[in-house]
Amino acid sequence: MFWLLALCAYLLGSLSFAIVLSRATGNPDPRMSGSGNAGATNMLRLAGKKLAILTLLGDLCKGLLPVLVAAWCSLPVQQQAWVGLCAVLGHLFPLYFRFKGGKGVATAAGVLLGLYPPAALLAVVAWALTFSLTRTSSLAALIATPLTLPLLAWQHPEALLPMSVLTALIVWRHRANLRDLLAGRERHF
């Protein structure tokens, strides 16, 4: 059951809402425009609030649903976390879109919401506070994601390894943003 759910999570994660919504509405491919990222922040820049919110909700749900199904199937928390990580991997490297996806923040938030809602709430608060102070989405994501690990590890220590891998992947996907942040060139809203 675990391997089937992991595969299904990856395939669901590979569904890029930013790309699908852009194609459906005649907007430019987010991978080729704006920041080049297939995620909600770039959709806000390219297509406005409505499509950005739909992208955010779609990406969040594709992280949440596999974890909820894994829990419903009575898989242990560690396996639920690995299944969620597979959804994030699908978002980062989508099978349907030549393995060029987003940065995984909203999908990871969905995974956290399914595993331990207080950790997801902490991530949202940290992201919102950082964003409101800096107006920089990438910095907010880079602060919010690792901040949730201690809380999650305290509540579900068995999920620490898959969630540490998830955090490392998100930081790795933001490596260009990190360079721009350090050089003072990162985009602000």
Protein backbone atom coordinates (compact mmCIF):
# COMPACT_ATOMS: atom_id res chain seq x y z
CA MET A 1 0.00 0.00 0.00
CA PHE A 2 2.83 2.42 0.89
CA TRP A 3 4.52 2.15 -2.51
CA LEU A 4 1.23 2.55 -4.38
CA LEU A 5 0.36 5.66 -2.35
CA ALA A 6 3.88 7.06 -2.86
CA LEU A 7 3.54 6.63 -6.64
CA CYS A 8 0.05 8.16 -6.68
CA ALA A 9 1.31 11.07 -4.54
CA TYR A 10 4.12 11.74 -7.02
CA LEU A 11 1.71 11.63 -9.96
CA LEU A 12 -0.73 13.96 -8.18
CA GLY A 13 2.15 16.25 -7.23
CA SER A 14 3.19 16.34 -10.90
CA LEU A 15 -0.06 18.13 -11.75
CA SER A 16 1.12 21.74 -11.93
CA PHE A 17 -1.81 24.02 -11.23
CA ALA A 18 0.17 27.08 -12.32
CA ILE A 19 0.81 25.61 -15.76
CA VAL A 20 -2.68 24.14 -16.20
CA LEU A 21 -4.40 27.37 -15.13
CA SER A 22 -2.10 29.46 -17.33
CA ARG A 23 -2.88 27.32 -20.35
CA ALA A 24 -6.62 27.32 -19.61
CA THR A 25 -6.76 31.11 -19.32
CA GLY A 26 -4.33 32.03 -22.11
CA ASN A 27 -1.69 33.40 -19.74
CA PRO A 28 2.01 32.85 -20.34
CA ASP A 29 3.68 29.67 -19.11
CA PRO A 30 4.98 30.59 -15.65
CA ARG A 31 8.15 28.59 -16.30
CA MET A 32 8.99 30.92 -19.19
CA SER A 33 7.85 34.24 -17.70
CA GLY A 34 8.29 36.26 -14.53
CA SER A 35 10.55 34.42 -12.09
CA GLY A 36 10.34 31.20 -14.12
CA ASN A 37 8.73 29.37 -11.22
CA ALA A 38 5.53 27.35 -11.58
CA GLY A 39 4.03 28.47 -8.28
CA ALA A 40 1.53 30.83 -6.70
CA THR A 41 3.91 33.78 -6.23
CA ASN A 42 4.83 33.88 -9.91
CA MET A 43 1.16 33.42 -10.83
CA LEU A 44 0.37 36.50 -8.77
CA ARG A 45 2.90 38.45 -10.83
CA LEU A 46 1.75 37.04 -14.17
CA ALA A 47 -1.98 36.40 -13.89
CA GLY A 48 -3.35 38.16 -10.82
CA LYS A 49 -4.81 37.27 -7.44
CA LYS A 50 -7.55 34.90 -8.55
CA LEU A 51 -5.26 32.50 -10.41
CA ALA A 52 -2.59 32.85 -7.72
CA ILE A 53 -5.09 31.80 -5.05
CA LEU A 54 -6.34 28.89 -7.16
CA THR A 55 -2.73 27.80 -7.73
CA LEU A 56 -1.98 28.05 -4.02
CA LEU A 57 -5.05 26.01 -3.07
CA GLY A 58 -4.38 23.38 -5.73
CA ASP A 59 -0.74 23.02 -4.72
CA LEU A 60 -1.67 22.86 -1.03
CA CYS A 61 -4.31 20.19 -1.63
CA LYS A 62 -1.97 17.98 -3.64
CA GLY A 63 0.30 17.83 -0.58
CA LEU A 64 -2.56 17.39 1.88
CA LEU A 65 -4.61 14.70 0.11
CA PRO A 66 -1.93 11.99 -0.12
CA VAL A 67 -1.10 12.40 3.57
CA LEU A 68 -4.77 12.17 4.53
CA VAL A 69 -5.24 9.06 2.39
CA ALA A 70 -2.12 7.49 3.92
CA ALA A 71 -3.50 8.25 7.41
CA TRP A 72 -6.90 6.86 6.42
CA CYS A 73 -5.11 3.67 5.30
CA SER A 74 -3.54 3.50 8.79
CA LEU A 75 0.03 3.94 7.57
CA PRO A 76 2.42 5.04 10.32
CA VAL A 77 3.31 8.74 10.52
CA GLN A 78 6.76 8.20 9.05
CA GLN A 79 5.24 6.57 5.95
CA GLN A 80 2.65 9.34 5.75
CA ALA A 81 5.53 11.83 5.70
CA TRP A 82 7.35 9.91 2.94
CA VAL A 83 4.13 9.82 0.90
CA GLY A 84 3.81 13.58 1.37
CA LEU A 85 7.41 14.03 0.29
CA CYS A 86 6.59 12.14 -2.90
CA ALA A 87 3.87 14.71 -3.64
CA VAL A 88 6.42 17.51 -3.16
CA LEU A 89 8.86 15.69 -5.45
CA GLY A 90 6.11 15.57 -8.06
CA HIS A 91 5.67 19.32 -7.73
CA LEU A 92 9.41 19.96 -8.01
CA PHE A 93 9.96 17.51 -10.89
CA PRO A 94 6.57 17.01 -12.61
CA LEU A 95 6.36 14.04 -14.91
CA TYR A 96 3.76 15.76 -17.10
CA PHE A 97 5.77 18.96 -17.64
CA ARG A 98 9.28 17.78 -18.53
CA PHE A 99 10.35 17.68 -14.86
CA LYS A 100 10.37 21.47 -14.60
CA GLY A 101 8.14 22.47 -11.70
CA GLY A 102 7.84 24.87 -8.82
CA LYS A 103 9.66 25.22 -5.53
CA GLY A 104 7.33 23.12 -3.42
CA VAL A 105 6.42 25.53 -0.63
CA ALA A 106 2.62 25.33 -0.90
CA THR A 107 2.69 21.57 -1.47
CA ALA A 108 4.95 21.18 1.58
CA ALA A 109 2.49 23.29 3.58
CA GLY A 110 -0.23 20.83 2.60
CA VAL A 111 1.94 17.94 3.78
CA LEU A 112 2.52 19.69 7.11
CA LEU A 113 -1.19 20.39 7.43
CA GLY A 114 -1.93 16.69 7.03
CA LEU A 115 0.82 15.54 9.39
CA TYR A 116 0.46 18.06 12.19
CA PRO A 117 -1.77 21.16 11.71
CA PRO A 118 -0.01 23.26 14.42
CA ALA A 119 3.26 22.93 12.44
CA ALA A 120 1.46 24.15 9.32
CA LEU A 121 -0.02 27.05 11.28
CA LEU A 122 3.44 27.98 12.57
CA ALA A 123 4.77 27.89 8.99
CA VAL A 124 1.95 30.14 7.75
CA VAL A 125 2.46 32.63 10.59
CA ALA A 126 6.24 32.68 10.06
CA TRP A 127 5.80 33.10 6.30
CA ALA A 128 3.22 35.89 6.69
CA LEU A 129 5.26 37.76 9.30
CA THR A 130 8.48 37.54 7.27
CA PHE A 131 6.70 38.50 4.06
CA SER A 132 4.95 41.47 5.69
CA LEU A 133 8.27 42.74 7.03
CA THR A 134 10.41 42.12 3.94
CA ARG A 135 7.94 41.83 1.03
CA THR A 136 10.12 38.92 -0.18
CA SER A 137 8.35 35.62 -0.77
CA SER A 138 11.49 33.51 -1.12
CA LEU A 139 12.93 34.73 2.18
CA ALA A 140 9.59 34.03 3.88
CA ALA A 141 9.62 30.46 2.53
CA LEU A 142 13.23 29.91 3.55
CA ILE A 143 12.46 31.01 7.11
CA ALA A 144 9.07 29.30 7.50
CA THR A 145 10.00 25.84 6.24
CA PRO A 146 12.89 24.97 8.59
CA LEU A 147 11.21 26.72 11.52
CA THR A 148 8.51 24.06 11.61
CA LEU A 149 10.92 21.12 11.96
CA PRO A 150 11.50 21.36 15.72
CA LEU A 151 7.76 21.48 16.45
CA LEU A 152 7.06 18.57 14.10
CA ALA A 153 10.00 16.57 15.48
CA TRP A 154 8.79 17.14 19.02
CA GLN A 155 5.30 15.90 18.20
CA HIS A 156 6.23 13.25 15.59
CA PRO A 157 9.94 12.39 15.85
CA GLU A 158 9.46 9.56 13.37
CA ALA A 159 8.67 12.13 10.66
CA LEU A 160 11.91 14.06 11.18
CA LEU A 161 13.95 12.35 8.45
CA PRO A 162 11.44 12.73 5.59
CA MET A 163 10.62 16.28 6.66
CA SER A 164 14.33 17.13 6.87
CA VAL A 165 14.72 15.86 3.30
CA LEU A 166 11.72 17.97 2.31
CA THR A 167 13.26 21.06 3.92
CA ALA A 168 16.60 20.43 2.23
CA LEU A 169 14.87 20.12 -1.15
CA ILE A 170 13.01 23.40 -0.67
CA VAL A 171 16.20 25.20 0.35
CA TRP A 172 18.01 23.65 -2.64
CA ARG A 173 15.24 24.78 -5.01
CA HIS A 174 15.66 28.30 -3.61
CA ARG A 175 19.44 28.36 -4.14
CA ALA A 176 19.21 31.05 -6.84
CA ASN A 177 17.00 33.10 -4.52
CA LEU A 178 19.58 32.68 -1.76
CA ARG A 179 22.32 33.99 -4.06
CA ASP A 180 20.12 36.95 -5.03
CA LEU A 181 19.22 37.62 -1.39
CA LEU A 182 22.88 37.68 -0.40
CA ALA A 183 23.72 39.95 -3.36
CA GLY A 184 20.76 42.27 -2.68
CA ARG A 185 19.11 41.48 -6.02
CA GLU A 186 16.10 39.42 -4.90
CA ARG A 187 12.68 40.55 -6.15
CA HIS A 188 10.32 42.19 -3.69
CA PHE A 189 6.57 42.77 -3.89
